[in-house]
C-alpha atoms as a PDB file:
ATOM      1  CA  UNK A   1      41.449-108.740  41.798  1.00  0.00           C
ATOM      2  CA  UNK A   2      39.129-109.442  38.888  1.00  0.00           C
ATOM      3  CA  UNK A   3      39.697-112.147  36.313  1.00  0.00           C
ATOM      4  CA  UNK A   4      40.202-109.570  33.559  1.00  0.00           C
ATOM      5  CA  UNK A   5      43.051-107.945  35.495  1.00  0.00           C
ATOM      6  CA  UNK A   6      45.209-111.044  35.765  1.00  0.00           C
ATOM      7  CA  UNK A   7      44.245-112.201  32.263  1.00  0.00           C
ATOM      8  CA  UNK A   8      45.566-108.952  30.763  1.00  0.00           C
ATOM      9  CA  UNK A   9      48.795-109.294  32.749  1.00  0.00           C
ATOM     10  CA  UNK A  10      49.356-112.840  31.494  1.00  0.00           C
ATOM     11  CA  UNK A  11      48.485-112.150  27.854  1.00  0.00           C
ATOM     12  CA  UNK A  12      50.596-108.997  27.613  1.00  0.00           C
ATOM     13  CA  UNK A  13      53.595-109.781  29.827  1.00  0.00           C
ATOM     14  CA  UNK A  14      53.897-113.250  31.357  1.00  0.00           C
ATOM     15  CA  UNK A  15      52.939-115.411  28.352  1.00  0.00           C
ATOM     16  CA  UNK A  16      52.155-113.036  25.451  1.00  0.00           C
ATOM     17  CA  UNK A  17      49.246-114.226  23.360  1.00  0.00           C
ATOM     18  CA  UNK A  18      51.002-113.364  20.087  1.00  0.00           C
ATOM     19  CA  UNK A  19      53.679-115.978  20.869  1.00  0.00           C
ATOM     20  CA  UNK A  20      51.258-118.902  20.830  1.00  0.00           C
ATOM     21  CA  UNK A  21      51.482-121.668  18.270  1.00  0.00           C
ATOM     22  CA  UNK A  22      48.605-121.694  15.835  1.00  0.00           C
ATOM     23  CA  UNK A  23      47.024-124.942  17.042  1.00  0.00           C
ATOM     24  CA  UNK A  24      48.033-125.140  20.703  1.00  0.00           C
ATOM     25  CA  UNK A  25      45.820-124.891  23.777  1.00  0.00           C
ATOM     26  CA  UNK A  26      46.300-121.454  25.307  1.00  0.00           C
ATOM     27  CA  UNK A  27      44.296-119.117  27.516  1.00  0.00           C
ATOM     28  CA  UNK A  28      41.114-120.017  29.344  1.00  0.00           C
ATOM     29  CA  UNK A  29      40.733-123.750  29.192  1.00  0.00           C
ATOM     30  CA  UNK A  30      37.912-124.514  31.605  1.00  0.00           C
ATOM     31  CA  UNK A  31      35.299-122.832  33.781  1.00  0.00           C
ATOM     32  CA  UNK A  32      33.640-119.437  34.116  1.00  0.00           C
ATOM     33  CA  UNK A  33      35.360-116.812  31.959  1.00  0.00           C
ATOM     34  CA  UNK A  34      33.395-113.793  33.237  1.00  0.00           C
ATOM     35  CA  UNK A  35      35.789-110.841  33.275  1.00  0.00           C
ATOM     36  CA  UNK A  36      34.107-109.456  36.377  1.00  0.00           C
ATOM     37  CA  UNK A  37      34.635-112.677  38.318  1.00  0.00           C
ATOM     38  CA  UNK A  38      36.336-111.873  41.615  1.00  0.00           C
ATOM     39  CA  UNK A  39      39.519-113.870  42.180  1.00  0.00           C
ATOM     40  CA  UNK A  40      40.855-114.245  45.719  1.00  0.00           C
ATOM     41  CA  UNK A  41      42.745-117.549  45.566  1.00  0.00           C
ATOM     42  CA  UNK A  42      45.051-118.624  42.726  1.00  0.00           C
ATOM     43  CA  UNK A  43      47.028-121.845  42.311  1.00  0.00           C
ATOM     44  CA  UNK A  44      50.042-122.231  40.021  1.00  0.00           C
ATOM     45  CA  UNK A  45      51.153-125.580  38.659  1.00  0.00           C
ATOM     46  CA  UNK A  46      53.163-127.148  35.850  1.00  0.00           C
ATOM     47  CA  UNK A  47      50.446-129.637  34.991  1.00  0.00           C
ATOM     48  CA  UNK A  48      46.852-130.507  35.814  1.00  0.00           C
ATOM     49  CA  UNK A  49      47.361-133.891  37.426  1.00  0.00           C
ATOM     50  CA  UNK A  50      44.713-135.447  39.654  1.00  0.00           C
ATOM     51  CA  UNK A  51      46.796-134.528  42.705  1.00  0.00           C
ATOM     52  CA  UNK A  52      47.016-130.904  41.539  1.00  0.00           C
ATOM     53  CA  UNK A  53      43.248-130.689  41.083  1.00  0.00           C
ATOM     54  CA  UNK A  54      42.591-132.247  44.508  1.00  0.00           C
ATOM     55  CA  UNK A  55      44.954-129.649  45.994  1.00  0.00           C
ATOM     56  CA  UNK A  56      43.019-126.855  44.246  1.00  0.00           C
ATOM     57  CA  UNK A  57      39.655-128.090  45.508  1.00  0.00           C
ATOM     58  CA  UNK A  58      40.981-128.555  49.046  1.00  0.00           C
ATOM     59  CA  UNK A  59      42.179-124.938  49.137  1.00  0.00           C
ATOM     60  CA  UNK A  60      39.074-123.619  47.323  1.00  0.00           C
ATOM     61  CA  UNK A  61      41.007-121.699  44.692  1.00  0.00           C
ATOM     62  CA  UNK A  62      39.015-119.868  42.039  1.00  0.00           C
ATOM     63  CA  UNK A  63      41.737-119.740  39.362  1.00  0.00           C
ATOM     64  CA  UNK A  64      44.386-122.251  38.304  1.00  0.00           C
ATOM     65  CA  UNK A  65      47.293-121.020  36.188  1.00  0.00           C
ATOM     66  CA  UNK A  66      48.922-124.049  34.575  1.00  0.00           C
ATOM     67  CA  UNK A  67      51.742-124.427  32.077  1.00  0.00           C
ATOM     68  CA  UNK A  68      49.986-127.400  30.459  1.00  0.00           C
ATOM     69  CA  UNK A  69      46.309-128.096  29.839  1.00  0.00           C
ATOM     70  CA  UNK A  70      43.974-130.950  30.688  1.00  0.00           C
ATOM     71  CA  UNK A  71      44.481-132.276  27.166  1.00  0.00           C
ATOM     72  CA  UNK A  72      47.113-131.716  24.486  1.00  0.00           C
ATOM     73  CA  UNK A  73      44.811-131.820  21.462  1.00  0.00           C
ATOM     74  CA  UNK A  74      41.224-132.307  20.274  1.00  0.00           C
ATOM     75  CA  UNK A  75      39.059-134.670  22.337  1.00  0.00           C
ATOM     76  CA  UNK A  76      38.334-137.809  20.311  1.00  0.00           C
ATOM     77  CA  UNK A  77      36.846-139.723  23.221  1.00  0.00           C
ATOM     78  CA  UNK A  78      36.451-139.247  26.962  1.00  0.00           C
ATOM     79  CA  UNK A  79      39.048-141.389  28.673  1.00  0.00           C
ATOM     80  CA  UNK A  80      38.616-142.314  32.365  1.00  0.00           C
ATOM     81  CA  UNK A  81      41.430-140.000  33.478  1.00  0.00           C
ATOM     82  CA  UNK A  82      39.816-136.970  31.802  1.00  0.00           C
ATOM     83  CA  UNK A  83      36.392-137.911  33.173  1.00  0.00           C
ATOM     84  CA  UNK A  84      37.846-138.095  36.694  1.00  0.00           C
ATOM     85  CA  UNK A  85      39.434-134.660  36.330  1.00  0.00           C
ATOM     86  CA  UNK A  86      36.253-133.026  35.047  1.00  0.00           C
ATOM     87  CA  UNK A  87      34.323-134.658  37.895  1.00  0.00           C
ATOM     88  CA  UNK A  88      36.726-133.119  40.418  1.00  0.00           C
ATOM     89  CA  UNK A  89      36.564-129.681  38.783  1.00  0.00           C
ATOM     90  CA  UNK A  90      32.765-129.692  38.792  1.00  0.00           C
ATOM     91  CA  UNK A  91      32.754-129.631  42.602  1.00  0.00           C
ATOM     92  CA  UNK A  92      33.940-126.014  42.793  1.00  0.00           C
ATOM     93  CA  UNK A  93      33.652-123.003  40.425  1.00  0.00           C
ATOM     94  CA  UNK A  94      37.232-122.987  39.130  1.00  0.00           C
ATOM     95  CA  UNK A  95      38.636-121.272  36.036  1.00  0.00           C
ATOM     96  CA  UNK A  96      41.793-122.600  34.355  1.00  0.00           C
ATOM     97  CA  UNK A  97      44.266-120.533  32.329  1.00  0.00           C
ATOM     98  CA  UNK A  98      46.910-122.398  30.297  1.00  0.00           C
ATOM     99  CA  UNK A  99      50.211-120.589  29.639  1.00  0.00           C
ATOM    100  CA  UNK A 100      51.480-122.940  26.928  1.00  0.00           C
ATOM    101  CA  UNK A 101      54.529-122.275  24.757  1.00  0.00           C
ATOM    102  CA  UNK A 102      54.333-118.443  25.132  1.00  0.00           C
ATOM    103  CA  UNK A 103      55.675-118.928  28.670  1.00  0.00           C
ATOM    104  CA  UNK A 104      58.783-120.487  27.104  1.00  0.00           C
ATOM    105  CA  UNK A 105      59.237-117.650  24.618  1.00  0.00           C
ATOM    106  CA  UNK A 106      58.377-114.707  26.882  1.00  0.00           C
ATOM    107  CA  UNK A 107      60.965-112.379  28.357  1.00  0.00           C
ATOM    108  CA  UNK A 108      61.690-113.788  31.800  1.00  0.00           C
ATOM    109  CA  UNK A 109      60.107-117.132  30.854  1.00  0.00           C
ATOM    110  CA  UNK A 110      61.492-120.664  30.832  1.00  0.00           C
ATOM    111  CA  UNK A 111      64.199-120.155  28.187  1.00  0.00           C
ATOM    112  CA  UNK A 112      65.451-117.007  29.906  1.00  0.00           C
ATOM    113  CA  UNK A 113      65.537-118.870  33.214  1.00  0.00           C
ATOM    114  CA  UNK A 114      67.795-121.525  31.643  1.00  0.00           C
ATOM    115  CA  UNK A 115      69.999-118.811  30.171  1.00  0.00           C
ATOM    116  CA  UNK A 116      70.393-116.975  33.481  1.00  0.00           C
ATOM    117  CA  UNK A 117      70.881-120.116  35.563  1.00  0.00           C
ATOM    118  CA  UNK A 118      73.647-121.350  33.252  1.00  0.00           C
ATOM    119  CA  UNK A 119      75.462-118.004  33.532  1.00  0.00           C
ATOM    120  CA  UNK A 120      75.049-117.139  29.848  1.00  0.00           C
ATOM    121  CA  UNK A 121      74.775-113.735  28.193  1.00  0.00           C
ATOM    122  CA  UNK A 122      71.994-113.031  25.705  1.00  0.00           C
ATOM    123  CA  UNK A 123      73.125-112.020  22.224  1.00  0.00           C
ATOM    124  CA  UNK A 124      69.727-111.937  20.534  1.00  0.00           C
ATOM    125  CA  UNK A 125      66.493-113.942  20.360  1.00  0.00           C
ATOM    126  CA  UNK A 126      66.005-116.588  17.685  1.00  0.00           C
ATOM    127  CA  UNK A 127      62.849-115.414  15.918  1.00  0.00           C
ATOM    128  CA  UNK A 128      60.567-117.488  13.710  1.00  0.00           C
ATOM    129  CA  UNK A 129      57.626-115.947  11.839  1.00  0.00           C
ATOM    130  CA  UNK A 130      54.243-117.546  12.457  1.00  0.00           C
ATOM    131  CA  UNK A 131      51.324-117.750  10.032  1.00  0.00           C
ATOM    132  CA  UNK A 132      50.395-114.159  10.880  1.00  0.00           C
ATOM    133  CA  UNK A 133      53.896-112.913   9.969  1.00  0.00           C
ATOM    134  CA  UNK A 134      54.680-112.173  13.619  1.00  0.00           C
ATOM    135  CA  UNK A 135      58.113-112.934  15.080  1.00  0.00           C
ATOM    136  CA  UNK A 136      58.050-115.572  17.821  1.00  0.00           C
ATOM    137  CA  UNK A 137      61.265-115.883  19.890  1.00  0.00           C
ATOM    138  CA  UNK A 138      61.427-119.690  19.996  1.00  0.00           C
ATOM    139  CA  UNK A 139      65.009-119.645  21.256  1.00  0.00           C
ATOM    140  CA  UNK A 140      67.913-117.563  22.486  1.00  0.00           C
ATOM    141  CA  UNK A 141      71.374-117.096  20.990  1.00  0.00           C
ATOM    142  CA  UNK A 142      73.837-116.488  23.797  1.00  0.00           C
ATOM    143  CA  UNK A 143      77.500-116.540  24.740  1.00  0.00           C
ATOM    144  CA  UNK A 144      79.022-118.082  27.881  1.00  0.00           C
ATOM    145  CA  UNK A 145      80.186-115.950  30.761  1.00  0.00           C
ATOM    146  CA  UNK A 146      83.189-117.311  32.633  1.00  0.00           C
ATOM    147  CA  UNK A 147      83.093-117.767  36.375  1.00  0.00           C
ATOM    148  CA  UNK A 148      85.316-115.221  38.170  1.00  0.00           C
ATOM    149  CA  UNK A 149      87.735-117.986  39.160  1.00  0.00           C
ATOM    150  CA  UNK A 150      88.097-119.321  35.599  1.00  0.00           C
ATOM    151  CA  UNK A 151      90.333-117.973  32.832  1.00  0.00           C
ATOM    152  CA  UNK A 152      89.997-120.794  30.301  1.00  0.00           C
ATOM    153  CA  UNK A 153      87.439-120.939  27.485  1.00  0.00           C
ATOM    154  CA  UNK A 154      84.259-122.889  28.168  1.00  0.00           C
ATOM    155  CA  UNK A 155      84.177-126.399  26.691  1.00  0.00           C
ATOM    156  CA  UNK A 156      81.257-128.677  25.926  1.00  0.00           C
ATOM    157  CA  UNK A 157      82.114-130.667  29.051  1.00  0.00           C
ATOM    158  CA  UNK A 158      82.104-127.489  31.174  1.00  0.00           C
ATOM    159  CA  UNK A 159      78.683-126.537  29.837  1.00  0.00           C
ATOM    160  CA  UNK A 160      77.269-129.983  30.606  1.00  0.00           C
ATOM    161  CA  UNK A 161      78.647-129.730  34.147  1.00  0.00           C
ATOM    162  CA  UNK A 162      76.940-126.353  34.557  1.00  0.00           C
ATOM    163  CA  UNK A 163      73.632-127.873  33.501  1.00  0.00           C
ATOM    164  CA  UNK A 164      74.107-130.789  35.880  1.00  0.00           C
ATOM    165  CA  UNK A 165      74.970-128.624  38.893  1.00  0.00           C
ATOM    166  CA  UNK A 166      72.947-125.435  38.304  1.00  0.00           C
ATOM    167  CA  UNK A 167      69.735-126.997  37.012  1.00  0.00           C
ATOM    168  CA  UNK A 168      69.982-130.286  38.924  1.00  0.00           C
ATOM    169  CA  UNK A 169      69.244-132.241  35.758  1.00  0.00           C
ATOM    170  CA  UNK A 170      69.977-135.836  34.826  1.00  0.00           C
ATOM    171  CA  UNK A 171      70.310-137.684  32.593  1.00  0.00           C
ATOM    172  CA  UNK A 172      71.987-135.344  30.121  1.00  0.00           C
ATOM    173  CA  UNK A 173      72.643-136.588  26.590  1.00  0.00           C
ATOM    174  CA  UNK A 174      75.067-134.981  24.195  1.00  0.00           C
ATOM    175  CA  UNK A 175      76.597-135.149  20.731  1.00  0.00           C
ATOM    176  CA  UNK A 176      80.081-133.860  19.948  1.00  0.00           C
ATOM    177  CA  UNK A 177      83.571-133.541  21.373  1.00  0.00           C
ATOM    178  CA  UNK A 178      83.670-132.814  25.117  1.00  0.00           C
ATOM    179  CA  UNK A 179      86.874-130.808  24.611  1.00  0.00           C
ATOM    180  CA  UNK A 180      85.259-128.551  21.998  1.00  0.00           C
ATOM    181  CA  UNK A 181      85.465-124.862  22.964  1.00  0.00           C
ATOM    182  CA  UNK A 182      82.047-123.227  23.065  1.00  0.00           C
ATOM    183  CA  UNK A 183      81.696-119.544  22.208  1.00  0.00           C
ATOM    184  CA  UNK A 184      78.103-119.380  20.927  1.00  0.00           C
ATOM    185  CA  UNK A 185      75.084-121.319  22.205  1.00  0.00           C
ATOM    186  CA  UNK A 186      71.511-121.678  20.974  1.00  0.00           C
ATOM    187  CA  UNK A 187      68.822-122.615  23.513  1.00  0.00           C
ATOM    188  CA  UNK A 188      65.608-123.889  21.939  1.00  0.00           C
ATOM    189  CA  UNK A 189      62.287-124.321  23.731  1.00  0.00           C
ATOM    190  CA  UNK A 190      59.830-126.974  22.604  1.00  0.00           C
ATOM    191  CA  UNK A 191      60.355-130.639  21.833  1.00  0.00           C
ATOM    192  CA  UNK A 192      59.984-130.316  18.056  1.00  0.00           C
ATOM    193  CA  UNK A 193      61.624-126.947  17.418  1.00  0.00           C
ATOM    194  CA  UNK A 194      65.093-128.327  16.650  1.00  0.00           C
ATOM    195  CA  UNK A 195      64.025-130.337  13.627  1.00  0.00           C
ATOM    196  CA  UNK A 196      61.134-128.020  12.679  1.00  0.00           C
ATOM    197  CA  UNK A 197      63.377-124.959  12.370  1.00  0.00           C
ATOM    198  CA  UNK A 198      66.613-126.768  11.590  1.00  0.00           C
ATOM    199  CA  UNK A 199      67.682-124.580   8.650  1.00  0.00           C
ATOM    200  CA  UNK A 200      67.062-121.369  10.583  1.00  0.00           C
ATOM    201  CA  UNK A 201      68.844-122.728  13.652  1.00  0.00           C
ATOM    202  CA  UNK A 202      71.933-123.817  11.693  1.00  0.00           C
ATOM    203  CA  UNK A 203      72.125-120.447   9.954  1.00  0.00           C
ATOM    204  CA  UNK A 204      73.030-118.922  13.336  1.00  0.00           C
ATOM    205  CA  UNK A 205      76.372-120.792  13.189  1.00  0.00           C
ATOM    206  CA  UNK A 206      76.362-121.681  16.894  1.00  0.00           C
ATOM    207  CA  UNK A 207      78.928-123.980  18.497  1.00  0.00           C
ATOM    208  CA  UNK A 208      76.329-125.843  20.552  1.00  0.00           C
ATOM    209  CA  UNK A 209      72.569-126.334  20.765  1.00  0.00           C
ATOM    210  CA  UNK A 210      70.636-126.964  23.973  1.00  0.00           C
ATOM    211  CA  UNK A 211      67.308-128.660  23.332  1.00  0.00           C
ATOM    212  CA  UNK A 212      64.598-130.572  25.126  1.00  0.00           C
ATOM    213  CA  UNK A 213      64.051-134.268  24.505  1.00  0.00           C
ATOM    214  CA  UNK A 214      63.643-134.899  20.777  1.00  0.00           C
ATOM    215  CA  UNK A 215      63.169-137.880  18.465  1.00  0.00           C
ATOM    216  CA  UNK A 216      65.800-140.263  17.120  1.00  0.00           C
ATOM    217  CA  UNK A 217      65.622-138.958  13.562  1.00  0.00           C
ATOM    218  CA  UNK A 218      66.521-135.451  14.770  1.00  0.00           C
ATOM    219  CA  UNK A 219      69.502-136.785  16.702  1.00  0.00           C
ATOM    220  CA  UNK A 220      70.652-138.855  13.734  1.00  0.00           C
ATOM    221  CA  UNK A 221      70.420-135.805  11.478  1.00  0.00           C
ATOM    222  CA  UNK A 222      72.447-133.713  13.932  1.00  0.00           C
ATOM    223  CA  UNK A 223      75.047-136.472  14.262  1.00  0.00           C
ATOM    224  CA  UNK A 224      75.504-136.690  10.482  1.00  0.00           C
ATOM    225  CA  UNK A 225      76.153-132.943  10.349  1.00  0.00           C
ATOM    226  CA  UNK A 226      78.616-132.996  13.243  1.00  0.00           C
ATOM    227  CA  UNK A 227      76.494-130.706  15.416  1.00  0.00           C
ATOM    228  CA  UNK A 228      77.369-130.266  19.100  1.00  0.00           C
ATOM    229  CA  UNK A 229      74.141-130.926  20.933  1.00  0.00           C
ATOM    230  CA  UNK A 230      72.997-131.156  24.556  1.00  0.00           C
ATOM    231  CA  UNK A 231      69.633-132.751  25.251  1.00  0.00           C
ATOM    232  CA  UNK A 232      67.747-133.055  28.526  1.00  0.00           C
ATOM    233  CA  UNK A 233      64.248-132.773  29.962  1.00  0.00           C
ATOM    234  CA  UNK A 234      63.182-129.191  30.738  1.00  0.00           C
ATOM    235  CA  UNK A 235      60.784-130.376  33.467  1.00  0.00           C
ATOM    236  CA  UNK A 236      62.952-129.051  36.319  1.00  0.00           C
ATOM    237  CA  UNK A 237      63.282-125.739  34.481  1.00  0.00           C
ATOM    238  CA  UNK A 238      59.501-125.524  34.155  1.00  0.00           C
ATOM    239  CA  UNK A 239      59.128-126.074  37.902  1.00  0.00           C
ATOM    240  CA  UNK A 240      61.668-123.334  38.665  1.00  0.00           C
ATOM    241  CA  UNK A 241      59.938-120.924  36.264  1.00  0.00           C
ATOM    242  CA  UNK A 242      56.519-121.559  37.835  1.00  0.00           C
ATOM    243  CA  UNK A 243      58.014-120.935  41.293  1.00  0.00           C
ATOM    244  CA  UNK A 244      59.485-117.668  40.020  1.00  0.00           C
ATOM    245  CA  UNK A 245      56.084-116.683  38.618  1.00  0.00           C
ATOM    246  CA  UNK A 246      54.450-117.558  41.945  1.00  0.00           C
ATOM    247  CA  UNK A 247      56.804-115.166  43.760  1.00  0.00           C
ATOM    248  CA  UNK A 248      56.173-112.425  41.201  1.00  0.00           C
ATOM    249  CA  UNK A 249      52.376-112.669  41.375  1.00  0.00           C
ATOM    250  CA  UNK A 250      52.419-112.826  45.181  1.00  0.00           C
ATOM    251  CA  UNK A 251      54.177-109.445  45.213  1.00  0.00           C
ATOM    252  CA  UNK A 252      52.047-108.040  42.376  1.00  0.00           C
ATOM    253  CA  UNK A 253      48.778-108.884  44.143  1.00  0.00           C
ATOM    254  CA  UNK A 254      49.623-108.758  47.879  1.00  0.00           C
ATOM    255  CA  UNK A 255      45.984-108.873  49.008  1.00  0.00           C
ATOM    256  CA  UNK A 256      45.194-112.128  47.237  1.00  0.00           C
ATOM    257  CA  UNK A 257      46.231-115.666  48.171  1.00  0.00           C
ATOM    258  CA  UNK A 258      48.532-117.660  45.914  1.00  0.00           C
ATOM    259  CA  UNK A 259      49.259-121.370  46.190  1.00  0.00           C
ATOM    260  CA  UNK A 260      52.066-123.281  44.518  1.00  0.00           C
ATOM    261  CA  UNK A 261      51.406-126.925  43.764  1.00  0.00           C
ATOM    262  CA  UNK A 262      54.675-128.786  44.171  1.00  0.00           C
ATOM    263  CA  UNK A 263      54.849-130.625  40.851  1.00  0.00           C
ATOM    264  CA  UNK A 264      57.339-133.456  40.647  1.00  0.00           C
ATOM    265  CA  UNK A 265      58.737-135.257  37.661  1.00  0.00           C
ATOM    266  CA  UNK A 266      56.886-138.614  37.644  1.00  0.00           C
ATOM    267  CA  UNK A 267      59.827-140.306  35.905  1.00  0.00           C
ATOM    268  CA  UNK A 268      62.439-141.784  38.209  1.00  0.00           C
ATOM    269  CA  UNK A 269      66.071-142.369  37.325  1.00  0.00           C
ATOM    270  CA  UNK A 270      67.309-145.886  38.047  1.00  0.00           C
ATOM    271  CA  UNK A 271      70.846-145.944  39.393  1.00  0.00           C
ATOM    272  CA  UNK A 272      72.677-149.127  40.317  1.00  0.00           C
ATOM    273  CA  UNK A 273      74.139-149.394  43.793  1.00  0.00           C
END
């Protein structure tokens, strides 16, 4: 395939360009952007760690599709870690495409994966207008589906247990009453979306909000308002979504080679014996 072919697929379907935040890193991030460049080997990864880049060089891939970029903002100075990464990349003609937040918002993206894995039914997307007056689905409003063996209404505790077992996530933090019956849920992607779009989110009148790790002021604000909230790292969800994308692209382009870098959460959970 040619670079233009997979770029068009990503920008129109996988991580739509119109869903990007105004200032975020998205699209081609490094390397040769020639549309006619022939791509035979592609690597998918959650992040561009040193191990991921070594893996790419070892397998001589010509395109890396990563959820996150080499940097998260403007370069103010060249730190040793960034210098090491650029040095590695210079050894082989690699192009890097960053999916960014559009991969969260896209149909079939990270938020939808959470929704499906938790056995929830989509009611409608939570849309926020960007600076260009375009609706960005930063979240999903959904209702719980009961397991066939269950007849009782879903409670906050039941929902937390689903997250723990279905997404293999811990720790899980929460606000609210564990016995509270949950009939409407809002899933938000992005670490700052809960406080950034708080008024819009609350206007949906949901029983519970599922968010990624946020700051203490956001949690304090939610506590004061009596909001039922579940907070956990979406890292495992990102890994699952990248694996799903790997399978999709492997079927879409059967004559090209795709590699999946096995990203792992660098944070470890300490548990006493």
